[in-house]
Amino acid sequence: MSFNSFSEFLSMGGHGLYVWLSYGLGVIIILGNLIAPLQAGKRLRAQLTRRLIRESKGS
């Protein structure tokens, strides 16, 4: 498919809204799949740190 201008490229022959929304949704999902485990790991490390401190004070 060949485009004569940038606006034609963005409109994708009248399907631009669907094309760009699907790309955007894909990027959001990929970023979520990268960020969620990092945040979960950070929360887990904080929980374990608090637990270790609590247990060391009890001994």
PDB file of N, CA and C in Angstrom:
ATOM      1  N   MET A   1       0.846  -1.166   0.000  1.00  0.00           N
ATOM      2  CA  MET A   1       0.000   0.000   0.000  1.00  0.00           C
ATOM      3  C   MET A   1       0.899   1.240   0.000  1.00  0.00           C
ATOM      4  N   SER A   2       0.597   2.169  -0.869  1.00  0.00           N
ATOM      5  CA  SER A   2       1.390   3.383  -1.013  1.00  0.00           C
ATOM      6  C   SER A   2       0.556   4.600  -0.610  1.00  0.00           C
ATOM      7  N   PHE A   3       1.182   5.511   0.090  1.00  0.00           N
ATOM      8  CA  PHE A   3       0.501   6.733   0.541  1.00  0.00           C
ATOM      9  C   PHE A   3       1.174   7.941  -0.090  1.00  0.00           C
ATOM     10  N   ASN A   4       0.350   8.907  -0.513  1.00  0.00           N
ATOM     11  CA  ASN A   4       0.885  10.108  -1.151  1.00  0.00           C
ATOM     12  C   ASN A   4       1.184  11.215  -0.156  1.00  0.00           C
ATOM     13  N   SER A   5       0.621  11.132   1.040  1.00  0.00           N
ATOM     14  CA  SER A   5       0.876  12.155   2.056  1.00  0.00           C
ATOM     15  C   SER A   5       0.803  11.521   3.440  1.00  0.00           C
ATOM     16  N   PHE A   6       1.274  12.291   4.405  1.00  0.00           N
ATOM     17  CA  PHE A   6       1.264  11.801   5.782  1.00  0.00           C
ATOM     18  C   PHE A   6      -0.167  11.661   6.299  1.00  0.00           C
ATOM     19  N   SER A   7      -1.051  12.567   5.895  1.00  0.00           N
ATOM     20  CA  SER A   7      -2.437  12.472   6.342  1.00  0.00           C
ATOM     21  C   SER A   7      -3.121  11.223   5.772  1.00  0.00           C
ATOM     22  N   GLU A   8      -2.776  10.828   4.559  1.00  0.00           N
ATOM     23  CA  GLU A   8      -3.297   9.574   3.999  1.00  0.00           C
ATOM     24  C   GLU A   8      -2.778   8.383   4.785  1.00  0.00           C
ATOM     25  N   PHE A   9      -1.519   8.478   5.189  1.00  0.00           N
ATOM     26  CA  PHE A   9      -0.939   7.410   5.999  1.00  0.00           C
ATOM     27  C   PHE A   9      -1.682   7.285   7.328  1.00  0.00           C
ATOM     28  N   LEU A  10      -1.963   8.411   7.970  1.00  0.00           N
ATOM     29  CA  LEU A  10      -2.681   8.381   9.246  1.00  0.00           C
ATOM     30  C   LEU A  10      -4.110   7.878   9.094  1.00  0.00           C
ATOM     31  N   SER A  11      -4.762   8.219   7.989  1.00  0.00           N
ATOM     32  CA  SER A  11      -6.156   7.796   7.813  1.00  0.00           C
ATOM     33  C   SER A  11      -6.262   6.336   7.374  1.00  0.00           C
ATOM     34  N   MET A  12      -5.189   5.771   6.842  1.00  0.00           N
ATOM     35  CA  MET A  12      -5.137   4.364   6.431  1.00  0.00           C
ATOM     36  C   MET A  12      -6.350   3.960   5.593  1.00  0.00           C
ATOM     37  N   GLY A  13      -6.684   4.789   4.640  1.00  0.00           N
ATOM     38  CA  GLY A  13      -7.792   4.460   3.742  1.00  0.00           C
ATOM     39  C   GLY A  13      -9.135   4.403   4.456  1.00  0.00           C
ATOM     40  N   GLY A  14      -9.302   5.222   5.477  1.00  0.00           N
ATOM     41  CA  GLY A  14     -10.552   5.252   6.217  1.00  0.00           C
ATOM     42  C   GLY A  14     -10.580   4.326   7.424  1.00  0.00           C
ATOM     43  N   HIS A  15      -9.530   3.542   7.616  1.00  0.00           N
ATOM     44  CA  HIS A  15      -9.467   2.591   8.732  1.00  0.00           C
ATOM     45  C   HIS A  15      -8.474   3.035   9.806  1.00  0.00           C
ATOM     46  N   GLY A  16      -7.981   4.252   9.704  1.00  0.00           N
ATOM     47  CA  GLY A  16      -6.945   4.739  10.610  1.00  0.00           C
ATOM     48  C   GLY A  16      -7.334   4.677  12.073  1.00  0.00           C
ATOM     49  N   LEU A  17      -8.575   5.022  12.384  1.00  0.00           N
ATOM     50  CA  LEU A  17      -9.016   4.996  13.776  1.00  0.00           C
ATOM     51  C   LEU A  17      -8.824   3.608  14.375  1.00  0.00           C
ATOM     52  N   TYR A  18      -9.255   2.584  13.669  1.00  0.00           N
ATOM     53  CA  TYR A  18      -9.152   1.216  14.173  1.00  0.00           C
ATOM     54  C   TYR A  18      -7.700   0.739  14.224  1.00  0.00           C
ATOM     55  N   VAL A  19      -6.935   1.099  13.200  1.00  0.00           N
ATOM     56  CA  VAL A  19      -5.531   0.681  13.144  1.00  0.00           C
ATOM     57  C   VAL A  19      -4.753   1.298  14.298  1.00  0.00           C
ATOM     58  N   TRP A  20      -4.873   2.624  14.478  1.00  0.00           N
ATOM     59  CA  TRP A  20      -4.086   3.301  15.508  1.00  0.00           C
ATOM     60  C   TRP A  20      -4.578   2.972  16.910  1.00  0.00           C
ATOM     61  N   LEU A  21      -5.883   2.745  17.084  1.00  0.00           N
ATOM     62  CA  LEU A  21      -6.380   2.315  18.390  1.00  0.00           C
ATOM     63  C   LEU A  21      -5.852   0.923  18.745  1.00  0.00           C
ATOM     64  N   SER A  22      -5.784   0.034  17.771  1.00  0.00           N
ATOM     65  CA  SER A  22      -5.271  -1.310  18.053  1.00  0.00           C
ATOM     66  C   SER A  22      -3.777  -1.273  18.375  1.00  0.00           C
ATOM     67  N   TYR A  23      -3.019  -0.422  17.665  1.00  0.00           N
ATOM     68  CA  TYR A  23      -1.597  -0.267  18.004  1.00  0.00           C
ATOM     69  C   TYR A  23      -1.453   0.311  19.409  1.00  0.00           C
ATOM     70  N   GLY A  24      -2.235   1.326  19.723  1.00  0.00           N
ATOM     71  CA  GLY A  24      -2.162   1.943  21.045  1.00  0.00           C
ATOM     72  C   GLY A  24      -2.530   0.969  22.148  1.00  0.00           C
ATOM     73  N   LEU A  25      -3.595   0.206  21.944  1.00  0.00           N
ATOM     74  CA  LEU A  25      -4.004  -0.784  22.929  1.00  0.00           C
ATOM     75  C   LEU A  25      -2.926  -1.851  23.099  1.00  0.00           C
ATOM     76  N   GLY A  26      -2.323  -2.264  22.010  1.00  0.00           N
ATOM     77  CA  GLY A  26      -1.241  -3.248  22.085  1.00  0.00           C
ATOM     78  C   GLY A  26      -0.070  -2.744  22.899  1.00  0.00           C
ATOM     79  N   VAL A  27       0.312  -1.489  22.690  1.00  0.00           N
ATOM     80  CA  VAL A  27       1.425  -0.898  23.443  1.00  0.00           C
ATOM     81  C   VAL A  27       1.074  -0.809  24.923  1.00  0.00           C
ATOM     82  N   ILE A  28      -0.169  -0.403  25.240  1.00  0.00           N
ATOM     83  CA  ILE A  28      -0.592  -0.308  26.636  1.00  0.00           C
ATOM     84  C   ILE A  28      -0.550  -1.677  27.312  1.00  0.00           C
ATOM     85  N   ILE A  29      -1.006  -2.704  26.628  1.00  0.00           N
ATOM     86  CA  ILE A  29      -0.994  -4.058  27.193  1.00  0.00           C
ATOM     87  C   ILE A  29       0.432  -4.545  27.419  1.00  0.00           C
ATOM     88  N   ILE A  30       1.308  -4.310  26.454  1.00  0.00           N
ATOM     89  CA  ILE A  30       2.706  -4.723  26.600  1.00  0.00           C
ATOM     90  C   ILE A  30       3.362  -3.998  27.765  1.00  0.00           C
ATOM     91  N   LEU A  31       3.138  -2.680  27.870  1.00  0.00           N
ATOM     92  CA  LEU A  31       3.709  -1.928  28.987  1.00  0.00           C
ATOM     93  C   LEU A  31       3.158  -2.424  30.317  1.00  0.00           C
ATOM     94  N   GLY A  32       1.874  -2.724  30.358  1.00  0.00           N
ATOM     95  CA  GLY A  32       1.287  -3.273  31.583  1.00  0.00           C
ATOM     96  C   GLY A  32       1.915  -4.597  31.971  1.00  0.00           C
ATOM     97  N   ASN A  33       2.192  -5.437  30.969  1.00  0.00           N
ATOM     98  CA  ASN A  33       2.825  -6.725  31.234  1.00  0.00           C
ATOM     99  C   ASN A  33       4.277  -6.577  31.680  1.00  0.00           C
ATOM    100  N   LEU A  34       4.897  -5.472  31.375  1.00  0.00           N
ATOM    101  CA  LEU A  34       6.263  -5.220  31.836  1.00  0.00           C
ATOM    102  C   LEU A  34       6.274  -4.575  33.218  1.00  0.00           C
ATOM    103  N   ILE A  35       5.343  -3.665  33.471  1.00  0.00           N
ATOM    104  CA  ILE A  35       5.349  -2.882  34.701  1.00  0.00           C
ATOM    105  C   ILE A  35       4.747  -3.639  35.878  1.00  0.00           C
ATOM    106  N   ALA A  36       3.669  -4.383  35.671  1.00  0.00           N
ATOM    107  CA  ALA A  36       2.981  -5.072  36.769  1.00  0.00           C
ATOM    108  C   ALA A  36       3.904  -6.015  37.559  1.00  0.00           C
ATOM    109  N   PRO A  37       4.695  -6.864  36.919  1.00  0.00           N
ATOM    110  CA  PRO A  37       5.582  -7.732  37.707  1.00  0.00           C
ATOM    111  C   PRO A  37       6.650  -6.949  38.472  1.00  0.00           C
ATOM    112  N   LEU A  38       7.113  -5.849  37.904  1.00  0.00           N
ATOM    113  CA  LEU A  38       8.100  -5.035  38.614  1.00  0.00           C
ATOM    114  C   LEU A  38       7.505  -4.452  39.887  1.00  0.00           C
ATOM    115  N   GLN A  39       6.275  -3.956  39.797  1.00  0.00           N
ATOM    116  CA  GLN A  39       5.615  -3.399  40.969  1.00  0.00           C
ATOM    117  C   GLN A  39       5.310  -4.486  41.990  1.00  0.00           C
ATOM    118  N   ALA A  40       4.897  -5.656  41.534  1.00  0.00           N
ATOM    119  CA  ALA A  40       4.614  -6.761  42.451  1.00  0.00           C
ATOM    120  C   ALA A  40       5.890  -7.190  43.176  1.00  0.00           C
ATOM    121  N   GLY A  41       7.000  -7.243  42.470  1.00  0.00           N
ATOM    122  CA  GLY A  41       8.276  -7.591  43.089  1.00  0.00           C
ATOM    123  C   GLY A  41       8.697  -6.562  44.122  1.00  0.00           C
ATOM    124  N   LYS A  42       8.462  -5.314  43.816  1.00  0.00           N
ATOM    125  CA  LYS A  42       8.804  -4.237  44.748  1.00  0.00           C
ATOM    126  C   LYS A  42       7.969  -4.358  46.023  1.00  0.00           C
ATOM    127  N   ARG A  43       6.661  -4.636  45.868  1.00  0.00           N
ATOM    128  CA  ARG A  43       5.788  -4.817  47.035  1.00  0.00           C
ATOM    129  C   ARG A  43       6.225  -6.034  47.852  1.00  0.00           C
ATOM    130  N   LEU A  44       6.589  -7.123  47.181  1.00  0.00           N
ATOM    131  CA  LEU A  44       7.019  -8.329  47.871  1.00  0.00           C
ATOM    132  C   LEU A  44       8.300  -8.085  48.668  1.00  0.00           C
ATOM    133  N   ARG A  45       9.259  -7.401  48.058  1.00  0.00           N
ATOM    134  CA  ARG A  45      10.500  -7.092  48.773  1.00  0.00           C
ATOM    135  C   ARG A  45      10.230  -6.234  50.000  1.00  0.00           C
ATOM    136  N   ALA A  46       9.327  -5.260  49.871  1.00  0.00           N
ATOM    137  CA  ALA A  46       8.983  -4.404  51.018  1.00  0.00           C
ATOM    138  C   ALA A  46       8.315  -5.225  52.111  1.00  0.00           C
ATOM    139  N   GLN A  47       7.414  -6.128  51.745  1.00  0.00           N
ATOM    140  CA  GLN A  47       6.751  -6.994  52.729  1.00  0.00           C
ATOM    141  C   GLN A  47       7.766  -7.873  53.450  1.00  0.00           C
ATOM    142  N   LEU A  48       8.662  -8.472  52.690  1.00  0.00           N
ATOM    143  CA  LEU A  48       9.661  -9.348  53.297  1.00  0.00           C
ATOM    144  C   LEU A  48      10.595  -8.570  54.212  1.00  0.00           C
ATOM    145  N   THR A  49      10.953  -7.360  53.812  1.00  0.00           N
ATOM    146  CA  THR A  49      11.806  -6.520  54.654  1.00  0.00           C
ATOM    147  C   THR A  49      11.101  -6.199  55.965  1.00  0.00           C
ATOM    148  N   ARG A  50       9.823  -5.801  55.889  1.00  0.00           N
ATOM    149  CA  ARG A  50       9.066  -5.508  57.116  1.00  0.00           C
ATOM    150  C   ARG A  50       8.951  -6.748  57.992  1.00  0.00           C
ATOM    151  N   ARG A  51       8.743  -7.901  57.381  1.00  0.00           N
ATOM    152  CA  ARG A  51       8.621  -9.145  58.128  1.00  0.00           C
ATOM    153  C   ARG A  51       9.926  -9.498  58.832  1.00  0.00           C
ATOM    154  N   LEU A  52      11.045  -9.353  58.113  1.00  0.00           N
ATOM    155  CA  LEU A  52      12.338  -9.649  58.721  1.00  0.00           C
ATOM    156  C   LEU A  52      12.635  -8.717  59.885  1.00  0.00           C
ATOM    157  N   ILE A  53      12.305  -7.447  59.735  1.00  0.00           N
ATOM    158  CA  ILE A  53      12.535  -6.477  60.815  1.00  0.00           C
ATOM    159  C   ILE A  53      11.656  -6.836  62.009  1.00  0.00           C
ATOM    160  N   ARG A  54      10.394  -7.168  61.752  1.00  0.00           N
ATOM    161  CA  ARG A  54       9.459  -7.520  62.820  1.00  0.00           C
ATOM    162  C   ARG A  54       9.936  -8.785  63.556  1.00  0.00           C
ATOM    163  N   GLU A  55      10.398  -9.773  62.805  1.00  0.00           N
ATOM    164  CA  GLU A  55      10.853 -11.018  63.431  1.00  0.00           C
ATOM    165  C   GLU A  55      12.153 -10.832  64.182  1.00  0.00           C
ATOM    166  N   SER A  56      13.031  -9.968  63.710  1.00  0.00           N
ATOM    167  CA  SER A  56      14.308  -9.761  64.402  1.00  0.00           C
ATOM    168  C   SER A  56      14.097  -8.996  65.709  1.00  0.00           C
ATOM    169  N   LYS A  57      13.090  -8.151  65.763  1.00  0.00           N
ATOM    170  CA  LYS A  57      12.774  -7.413  66.993  1.00  0.00           C
ATOM    171  C   LYS A  57      12.138  -8.340  68.023  1.00  0.00           C
ATOM    172  N   GLY A  58      11.425  -9.360  67.572  1.00  0.00           N
ATOM    173  CA  GLY A  58      10.757 -10.294  68.468  1.00  0.00           C
ATOM    174  C   GLY A  58      11.696 -11.302  69.101  1.00  0.00           C
ATOM    175  N   SER A  59      12.857 -11.523  68.515  1.00  0.00           N
ATOM    176  CA  SER A  59      13.777 -12.551  69.012  1.00  0.00           C
ATOM    177  C   SER A  59      14.610 -12.060  70.153  1.00  0.00           C
TER     178      SER A  59
END
